[in-house]
Amino acid sequence: MKTIDSITECAAQIHRGEHSEVKPGMSVRMSEAAAPQDSIRQGDLYLTVALSVPEGYIKASKPNVQLVPGNTKGARHCLDSLEGVTMYYPPGFETAGDSWDAMEGPVLELSKERKVLHPTHGHVTIPAGFTVGCTYQREWDQEQRRERRNAD
């Protein structure tokens, strides 16, 4: 069997839920050996290890367990608790509410281990001591409108 065929078959087994070790929607733990720029994806949310909080981010005055703006089931990426979490927002995030449409979200400094929960994706456990940035998958319709407007 060629390597590509082996990879394709493995992916198909995972998709069908037949793989012996990897299942769709299974929980995952970020490795304590993760380095800056390593990331774990939970649906359209990317959790990326950072060295520090980016310049210009503001300590959240009202931190929220929900990491993705919106009120749909898909936006329910939520921390299991805010205990041991210092949260920072990009400028304008806290006041934008559900209308936030940029690709950058909160940055979390964790002094305690936390889980990012979701009703359909597997939970992601992040060990204590990490700084993790949240970014969002690009929404093509919104981004294309913005690019078209900028091109005019």
N, C-alpha and C. Protein backbone atom coordinates (compact mmCIF):
# COMPACT_ATOMS: atom_id res chain seq x y z
N MET A 1 0.85 -1.18 0.00
CA MET A 1 0.00 0.00 0.00
C MET A 1 0.89 1.24 0.00
N LYS A 2 0.57 2.19 -0.85
CA LYS A 2 1.31 3.45 -0.90
C LYS A 2 0.98 4.29 0.34
N THR A 3 1.90 5.17 0.69
CA THR A 3 1.73 6.01 1.87
C THR A 3 0.44 6.82 1.79
N ILE A 4 0.17 7.43 0.64
CA ILE A 4 -1.04 8.26 0.51
C ILE A 4 -2.30 7.43 0.69
N ASP A 5 -2.27 6.18 0.21
CA ASP A 5 -3.43 5.30 0.40
C ASP A 5 -3.63 4.97 1.87
N SER A 6 -2.52 4.76 2.58
CA SER A 6 -2.59 4.47 4.01
C SER A 6 -3.17 5.66 4.79
N ILE A 7 -2.73 6.86 4.44
CA ILE A 7 -3.23 8.08 5.09
C ILE A 7 -4.71 8.27 4.79
N THR A 8 -5.10 8.07 3.55
CA THR A 8 -6.50 8.22 3.14
C THR A 8 -7.38 7.23 3.89
N GLU A 9 -6.94 5.99 4.00
CA GLU A 9 -7.72 4.98 4.71
C GLU A 9 -7.84 5.31 6.20
N CYS A 10 -6.76 5.79 6.80
CA CYS A 10 -6.79 6.17 8.21
C CYS A 10 -7.79 7.31 8.43
N ALA A 11 -7.76 8.32 7.56
CA ALA A 11 -8.70 9.45 7.66
C ALA A 11 -10.14 8.96 7.50
N ALA A 12 -10.36 8.04 6.58
CA ALA A 12 -11.71 7.49 6.38
C ALA A 12 -12.18 6.73 7.61
N GLN A 13 -11.29 5.98 8.26
CA GLN A 13 -11.65 5.26 9.48
C GLN A 13 -12.04 6.24 10.59
N ILE A 14 -11.28 7.31 10.73
CA ILE A 14 -11.61 8.32 11.73
C ILE A 14 -12.97 8.92 11.43
N HIS A 15 -13.21 9.27 10.18
CA HIS A 15 -14.49 9.87 9.78
C HIS A 15 -15.66 8.94 10.10
N ARG A 16 -15.47 7.65 9.88
CA ARG A 16 -16.55 6.67 10.14
C ARG A 16 -16.62 6.28 11.61
N GLY A 17 -15.69 6.75 12.44
CA GLY A 17 -15.67 6.40 13.85
C GLY A 17 -15.14 5.01 14.10
N GLU A 18 -14.37 4.47 13.16
CA GLU A 18 -13.88 3.10 13.25
C GLU A 18 -12.41 3.00 13.63
N HIS A 19 -11.73 4.10 13.80
CA HIS A 19 -10.30 4.06 14.16
C HIS A 19 -10.17 3.58 15.60
N SER A 20 -9.13 2.81 15.89
CA SER A 20 -8.99 2.24 17.22
C SER A 20 -8.60 3.26 18.29
N GLU A 21 -7.98 4.39 17.90
CA GLU A 21 -7.51 5.35 18.90
C GLU A 21 -8.09 6.75 18.75
N VAL A 22 -8.41 7.17 17.55
CA VAL A 22 -8.90 8.53 17.31
C VAL A 22 -10.36 8.48 16.89
N LYS A 23 -11.21 9.24 17.58
CA LYS A 23 -12.64 9.27 17.28
C LYS A 23 -13.07 10.72 17.05
N PRO A 24 -14.04 10.95 16.15
CA PRO A 24 -14.55 12.31 15.96
C PRO A 24 -15.11 12.85 17.28
N GLY A 25 -14.80 14.10 17.59
CA GLY A 25 -15.34 14.75 18.78
C GLY A 25 -14.71 14.32 20.08
N MET A 26 -13.60 13.57 20.01
CA MET A 26 -12.98 13.14 21.27
C MET A 26 -12.25 14.30 21.93
N SER A 27 -12.14 14.24 23.24
CA SER A 27 -11.43 15.27 23.99
C SER A 27 -9.93 15.14 23.76
N VAL A 28 -9.23 16.24 23.94
CA VAL A 28 -7.79 16.26 23.73
C VAL A 28 -7.16 17.15 24.79
N ARG A 29 -5.92 16.85 25.13
CA ARG A 29 -5.17 17.64 26.11
C ARG A 29 -3.98 18.27 25.42
N MET A 30 -3.79 19.57 25.64
CA MET A 30 -2.62 20.25 25.11
C MET A 30 -1.41 19.72 25.87
N SER A 31 -0.37 19.37 25.17
CA SER A 31 0.82 18.81 25.80
C SER A 31 1.55 19.86 26.63
N GLU A 32 2.06 19.43 27.78
CA GLU A 32 2.88 20.33 28.59
C GLU A 32 4.16 20.73 27.85
N ALA A 33 4.51 19.97 26.81
CA ALA A 33 5.70 20.27 26.01
C ALA A 33 5.39 21.19 24.84
N ALA A 34 4.15 21.66 24.73
CA ALA A 34 3.78 22.55 23.63
C ALA A 34 4.63 23.81 23.68
N ALA A 35 4.99 24.28 22.49
CA ALA A 35 5.84 25.46 22.34
C ALA A 35 5.04 26.59 21.71
N PRO A 36 5.54 27.83 21.80
CA PRO A 36 4.85 28.95 21.15
C PRO A 36 4.55 28.64 19.69
N GLN A 37 3.36 28.99 19.28
CA GLN A 37 2.79 28.78 17.95
C GLN A 37 2.18 27.40 17.76
N ASP A 38 2.36 26.47 18.71
CA ASP A 38 1.64 25.20 18.64
C ASP A 38 0.17 25.50 18.91
N SER A 39 -0.71 24.80 18.21
CA SER A 39 -2.12 25.08 18.42
C SER A 39 -2.97 23.83 18.33
N ILE A 40 -4.13 23.93 18.93
CA ILE A 40 -5.16 22.89 18.86
C ILE A 40 -6.41 23.56 18.33
N ARG A 41 -7.06 22.87 17.43
CA ARG A 41 -8.29 23.41 16.84
C ARG A 41 -9.48 22.72 17.49
N GLN A 42 -10.48 23.52 17.87
CA GLN A 42 -11.75 23.01 18.37
C GLN A 42 -12.81 23.61 17.45
N GLY A 43 -13.13 22.89 16.36
CA GLY A 43 -14.04 23.43 15.37
C GLY A 43 -13.42 24.65 14.72
N ASP A 44 -14.10 25.80 14.78
CA ASP A 44 -13.59 27.03 14.15
C ASP A 44 -12.79 27.91 15.12
N LEU A 45 -12.49 27.38 16.31
CA LEU A 45 -11.67 28.09 17.29
C LEU A 45 -10.28 27.47 17.33
N TYR A 46 -9.26 28.32 17.22
CA TYR A 46 -7.87 27.87 17.33
C TYR A 46 -7.32 28.35 18.67
N LEU A 47 -6.73 27.45 19.43
CA LEU A 47 -6.11 27.76 20.71
C LEU A 47 -4.60 27.63 20.50
N THR A 48 -3.89 28.76 20.52
CA THR A 48 -2.48 28.78 20.14
C THR A 48 -1.62 29.26 21.31
N VAL A 49 -0.58 28.49 21.61
CA VAL A 49 0.35 28.84 22.68
C VAL A 49 1.11 30.11 22.31
N ALA A 50 1.20 31.04 23.26
CA ALA A 50 1.91 32.31 23.05
C ALA A 50 2.96 32.48 24.14
N LEU A 51 3.98 33.28 23.83
CA LEU A 51 4.99 33.61 24.84
C LEU A 51 4.45 34.61 25.84
N SER A 52 3.62 35.55 25.34
CA SER A 52 3.10 36.60 26.20
C SER A 52 1.83 37.17 25.56
N VAL A 53 1.19 38.04 26.30
CA VAL A 53 0.01 38.74 25.79
C VAL A 53 0.46 39.74 24.74
N PRO A 54 -0.17 39.77 23.57
CA PRO A 54 0.24 40.71 22.52
C PRO A 54 0.09 42.17 22.98
N GLU A 55 0.96 42.99 22.46
CA GLU A 55 0.92 44.43 22.75
C GLU A 55 -0.43 44.99 22.31
N GLY A 56 -1.01 45.84 23.14
CA GLY A 56 -2.27 46.49 22.81
C GLY A 56 -3.48 45.76 23.38
N TYR A 57 -3.33 44.52 23.80
CA TYR A 57 -4.46 43.80 24.41
C TYR A 57 -4.74 44.40 25.78
N ILE A 58 -6.01 44.35 26.19
CA ILE A 58 -6.46 45.01 27.41
C ILE A 58 -6.99 43.96 28.38
N LYS A 59 -6.59 44.06 29.65
CA LYS A 59 -7.10 43.12 30.65
C LYS A 59 -8.62 43.27 30.71
N ALA A 60 -9.31 42.13 30.61
CA ALA A 60 -10.78 42.14 30.56
C ALA A 60 -11.36 42.65 31.87
N SER A 61 -12.24 43.65 31.78
CA SER A 61 -12.91 44.13 32.99
C SER A 61 -14.06 43.20 33.37
N LYS A 62 -14.63 42.53 32.37
CA LYS A 62 -15.71 41.55 32.61
C LYS A 62 -15.39 40.29 31.81
N PRO A 63 -14.46 39.46 32.31
CA PRO A 63 -14.13 38.24 31.57
C PRO A 63 -15.37 37.36 31.41
N ASN A 64 -15.41 36.64 30.33
CA ASN A 64 -16.56 35.80 30.01
C ASN A 64 -16.05 34.39 29.75
N VAL A 65 -16.75 33.39 30.24
CA VAL A 65 -16.33 32.01 29.98
C VAL A 65 -16.46 31.65 28.51
N GLN A 66 -17.38 32.33 27.79
CA GLN A 66 -17.55 32.05 26.37
C GLN A 66 -16.46 32.77 25.59
N LEU A 67 -15.72 32.01 24.77
CA LEU A 67 -14.55 32.56 24.07
C LEU A 67 -14.85 33.05 22.67
N VAL A 68 -16.01 32.71 22.14
CA VAL A 68 -16.40 33.09 20.78
C VAL A 68 -17.68 33.93 20.86
N PRO A 69 -17.70 35.12 20.28
CA PRO A 69 -18.93 35.92 20.30
C PRO A 69 -20.04 35.21 19.54
N GLY A 70 -21.26 35.40 19.99
CA GLY A 70 -22.41 34.85 19.29
C GLY A 70 -23.31 34.07 20.23
N ASN A 71 -24.51 33.78 19.73
CA ASN A 71 -25.47 33.06 20.56
C ASN A 71 -25.93 31.75 19.91
N THR A 72 -25.18 31.27 18.92
CA THR A 72 -25.52 30.01 18.29
C THR A 72 -24.84 28.85 19.04
N LYS A 73 -25.30 27.65 18.77
CA LYS A 73 -24.69 26.46 19.37
C LYS A 73 -23.20 26.38 19.00
N GLY A 74 -22.86 26.76 17.78
CA GLY A 74 -21.48 26.71 17.32
C GLY A 74 -20.56 27.67 18.04
N ALA A 75 -21.12 28.73 18.63
CA ALA A 75 -20.31 29.72 19.34
C ALA A 75 -20.06 29.34 20.80
N ARG A 76 -20.54 28.21 21.23
CA ARG A 76 -20.47 27.83 22.65
C ARG A 76 -19.14 27.18 23.05
N HIS A 77 -18.05 27.82 22.69
CA HIS A 77 -16.72 27.41 23.15
C HIS A 77 -16.52 28.12 24.48
N CYS A 78 -16.64 27.37 25.59
CA CYS A 78 -16.65 28.00 26.91
C CYS A 78 -15.64 27.36 27.85
N LEU A 79 -15.00 28.20 28.66
CA LEU A 79 -14.13 27.69 29.72
C LEU A 79 -14.98 27.03 30.79
N ASP A 80 -14.43 26.00 31.43
CA ASP A 80 -15.15 25.34 32.51
C ASP A 80 -15.24 26.23 33.75
N SER A 81 -14.35 27.21 33.86
CA SER A 81 -14.35 28.14 34.99
C SER A 81 -13.40 29.29 34.67
N LEU A 82 -13.60 30.41 35.32
CA LEU A 82 -12.65 31.53 35.19
C LEU A 82 -11.62 31.52 36.31
N GLU A 83 -11.71 30.57 37.22
CA GLU A 83 -10.75 30.47 38.32
C GLU A 83 -9.35 30.19 37.76
N GLY A 84 -8.40 31.01 38.15
CA GLY A 84 -7.02 30.85 37.68
C GLY A 84 -6.79 31.38 36.27
N VAL A 85 -7.74 32.16 35.76
CA VAL A 85 -7.63 32.70 34.39
C VAL A 85 -7.55 34.22 34.45
N THR A 86 -6.53 34.78 33.82
CA THR A 86 -6.50 36.22 33.57
C THR A 86 -6.72 36.36 32.07
N MET A 87 -7.74 37.13 31.70
CA MET A 87 -8.16 37.23 30.30
C MET A 87 -7.87 38.63 29.77
N TYR A 88 -7.38 38.66 28.53
CA TYR A 88 -7.09 39.92 27.85
C TYR A 88 -7.83 39.92 26.52
N TYR A 89 -8.34 41.09 26.15
CA TYR A 89 -9.09 41.23 24.89
C TYR A 89 -8.37 42.16 23.93
N PRO A 90 -8.51 41.91 22.62
CA PRO A 90 -8.00 42.88 21.66
C PRO A 90 -8.82 44.17 21.77
N PRO A 91 -8.26 45.30 21.40
CA PRO A 91 -9.00 46.57 21.50
C PRO A 91 -10.34 46.48 20.78
N GLY A 92 -11.41 46.91 21.47
CA GLY A 92 -12.75 46.94 20.90
C GLY A 92 -13.55 45.67 21.11
N PHE A 93 -12.92 44.58 21.53
CA PHE A 93 -13.61 43.30 21.67
C PHE A 93 -14.72 43.36 22.72
N GLU A 94 -14.39 43.92 23.87
CA GLU A 94 -15.32 43.90 25.00
C GLU A 94 -16.59 44.71 24.71
N THR A 95 -16.47 45.77 23.95
CA THR A 95 -17.65 46.60 23.66
C THR A 95 -18.39 46.15 22.40
N ALA A 96 -17.77 45.34 21.56
CA ALA A 96 -18.40 44.92 20.30
C ALA A 96 -19.49 43.88 20.51
N GLY A 97 -19.37 43.09 21.57
CA GLY A 97 -20.36 42.04 21.82
C GLY A 97 -20.41 41.04 20.67
N ASP A 98 -21.63 40.65 20.29
CA ASP A 98 -21.81 39.65 19.23
C ASP A 98 -21.49 40.18 17.84
N SER A 99 -21.23 41.48 17.71
CA SER A 99 -20.93 42.03 16.39
C SER A 99 -19.43 41.94 16.05
N TRP A 100 -18.61 41.38 16.94
CA TRP A 100 -17.18 41.24 16.69
C TRP A 100 -16.97 40.35 15.48
N ASP A 101 -16.24 40.85 14.48
CA ASP A 101 -16.04 40.04 13.27
C ASP A 101 -14.57 39.93 12.86
N ALA A 102 -13.66 40.29 13.77
CA ALA A 102 -12.23 40.11 13.49
C ALA A 102 -11.84 38.66 13.80
N MET A 103 -10.65 38.30 13.41
CA MET A 103 -10.20 36.91 13.58
C MET A 103 -9.49 36.68 14.90
N GLU A 104 -9.16 37.73 15.65
CA GLU A 104 -8.48 37.59 16.92
C GLU A 104 -9.47 37.71 18.06
N GLY A 105 -9.31 36.83 19.05
CA GLY A 105 -10.17 36.86 20.23
C GLY A 105 -9.33 37.01 21.49
N PRO A 106 -9.86 36.54 22.61
CA PRO A 106 -9.17 36.70 23.89
C PRO A 106 -7.84 35.96 23.95
N VAL A 107 -7.00 36.41 24.87
CA VAL A 107 -5.78 35.70 25.25
C VAL A 107 -5.94 35.35 26.71
N LEU A 108 -5.60 34.11 27.05
CA LEU A 108 -5.79 33.60 28.40
C LEU A 108 -4.44 33.32 29.05
N GLU A 109 -4.22 33.83 30.24
CA GLU A 109 -3.07 33.44 31.06
C GLU A 109 -3.62 32.51 32.14
N LEU A 110 -3.13 31.29 32.17
CA LEU A 110 -3.70 30.29 33.06
C LEU A 110 -2.75 29.94 34.21
N SER A 111 -3.21 30.17 35.43
CA SER A 111 -2.45 29.72 36.60
C SER A 111 -3.01 28.38 37.09
N LYS A 112 -4.15 27.97 36.55
CA LYS A 112 -4.76 26.67 36.85
C LYS A 112 -5.14 26.00 35.54
N GLU A 113 -5.15 24.68 35.55
CA GLU A 113 -5.58 23.94 34.37
C GLU A 113 -7.05 24.24 34.09
N ARG A 114 -7.38 24.45 32.83
CA ARG A 114 -8.76 24.74 32.43
C ARG A 114 -9.13 23.88 31.23
N LYS A 115 -10.44 23.69 31.06
CA LYS A 115 -10.97 22.99 29.89
C LYS A 115 -11.80 23.96 29.08
N VAL A 116 -11.67 23.85 27.76
CA VAL A 116 -12.56 24.58 26.86
C VAL A 116 -13.61 23.56 26.43
N LEU A 117 -14.85 23.82 26.81
CA LEU A 117 -15.95 22.91 26.55
C LEU A 117 -16.71 23.33 25.31
N HIS A 118 -17.35 22.37 24.66
CA HIS A 118 -18.20 22.65 23.51
C HIS A 118 -19.23 21.54 23.39
N PRO A 119 -20.48 21.86 23.02
CA PRO A 119 -21.52 20.83 22.97
C PRO A 119 -21.34 19.77 21.88
N THR A 120 -20.59 20.07 20.82
CA THR A 120 -20.43 19.08 19.75
C THR A 120 -18.98 18.69 19.47
N HIS A 121 -18.03 19.55 19.79
CA HIS A 121 -16.62 19.23 19.59
C HIS A 121 -16.07 18.63 20.88
N GLY A 122 -14.96 17.92 20.79
CA GLY A 122 -14.32 17.40 21.98
C GLY A 122 -13.79 18.53 22.84
N HIS A 123 -13.79 18.31 24.14
CA HIS A 123 -13.25 19.31 25.06
C HIS A 123 -11.73 19.38 24.91
N VAL A 124 -11.16 20.55 25.17
CA VAL A 124 -9.71 20.75 25.10
C VAL A 124 -9.23 21.15 26.49
N THR A 125 -8.28 20.38 27.03
CA THR A 125 -7.69 20.70 28.33
C THR A 125 -6.38 21.45 28.10
N ILE A 126 -6.25 22.59 28.79
CA ILE A 126 -5.03 23.39 28.69
C ILE A 126 -4.36 23.37 30.07
N PRO A 127 -3.11 22.94 30.14
CA PRO A 127 -2.42 22.87 31.44
C PRO A 127 -2.18 24.25 32.04
N ALA A 128 -2.02 24.27 33.35
CA ALA A 128 -1.66 25.50 34.07
C ALA A 128 -0.31 26.01 33.57
N GLY A 129 -0.14 27.34 33.63
CA GLY A 129 1.14 27.95 33.27
C GLY A 129 1.23 28.39 31.82
N PHE A 130 0.20 28.14 31.04
CA PHE A 130 0.23 28.51 29.62
C PHE A 130 -0.44 29.86 29.39
N THR A 131 0.04 30.56 28.36
CA THR A 131 -0.65 31.71 27.79
C THR A 131 -1.14 31.24 26.43
N VAL A 132 -2.44 31.37 26.19
CA VAL A 132 -3.05 30.82 24.98
C VAL A 132 -3.91 31.89 24.31
N GLY A 133 -3.69 32.09 23.02
CA GLY A 133 -4.49 33.02 22.24
C GLY A 133 -5.61 32.30 21.52
N CYS A 134 -6.76 32.94 21.44
CA CYS A 134 -7.91 32.41 20.71
C CYS A 134 -8.03 33.15 19.38
N THR A 135 -8.06 32.42 18.30
CA THR A 135 -8.31 33.01 16.99
C THR A 135 -9.43 32.23 16.32
N TYR A 136 -10.05 32.86 15.35
CA TYR A 136 -11.23 32.29 14.73
C TYR A 136 -10.98 31.99 13.26
N GLN A 137 -11.63 30.94 12.81
CA GLN A 137 -11.57 30.61 11.39
C GLN A 137 -12.19 31.75 10.59
N ARG A 138 -11.58 32.05 9.49
CA ARG A 138 -12.05 33.13 8.64
C ARG A 138 -13.45 32.82 8.11
N GLU A 139 -14.34 33.81 8.20
CA GLU A 139 -15.68 33.68 7.60
C GLU A 139 -15.61 34.36 6.25
N TRP A 140 -15.64 33.56 5.20
CA TRP A 140 -15.36 34.06 3.86
C TRP A 140 -16.30 35.18 3.42
N ASP A 141 -17.58 35.07 3.68
CA ASP A 141 -18.51 36.10 3.23
C ASP A 141 -18.17 37.46 3.83
N GLN A 142 -17.97 37.51 5.15
CA GLN A 142 -17.65 38.78 5.81
C GLN A 142 -16.30 39.31 5.34
N GLU A 143 -15.31 38.42 5.27
CA GLU A 143 -13.96 38.85 4.89
C GLU A 143 -13.93 39.33 3.43
N GLN A 144 -14.65 38.65 2.54
CA GLN A 144 -14.67 39.07 1.14
C GLN A 144 -15.35 40.43 0.98
N ARG A 145 -16.42 40.68 1.75
CA ARG A 145 -17.06 42.00 1.70
C ARG A 145 -16.08 43.09 2.13
N ARG A 146 -15.33 42.81 3.20
CA ARG A 146 -14.37 43.79 3.71
C ARG A 146 -13.27 44.03 2.67
N GLU A 147 -12.76 42.95 2.05
CA GLU A 147 -11.71 43.10 1.05
C GLU A 147 -12.22 43.85 -0.17
N ARG A 148 -13.44 43.56 -0.59
CA ARG A 148 -14.02 44.23 -1.76
C ARG A 148 -14.17 45.73 -1.46
N ARG A 149 -14.63 46.04 -0.23
CA ARG A 149 -14.80 47.44 0.16
C ARG A 149 -13.44 48.16 0.16
N ASN A 150 -12.39 47.48 0.64
CA ASN A 150 -11.07 48.08 0.69
C ASN A 150 -10.49 48.27 -0.71
N ALA A 151 -10.86 47.40 -1.64
CA ALA A 151 -10.32 47.47 -3.00
C ALA A 151 -10.96 48.62 -3.79
N ASP A 152 -12.16 49.03 -3.42
CA ASP A 152 -12.87 50.08 -4.16
C ASP A 152 -12.25 51.44 -4.01
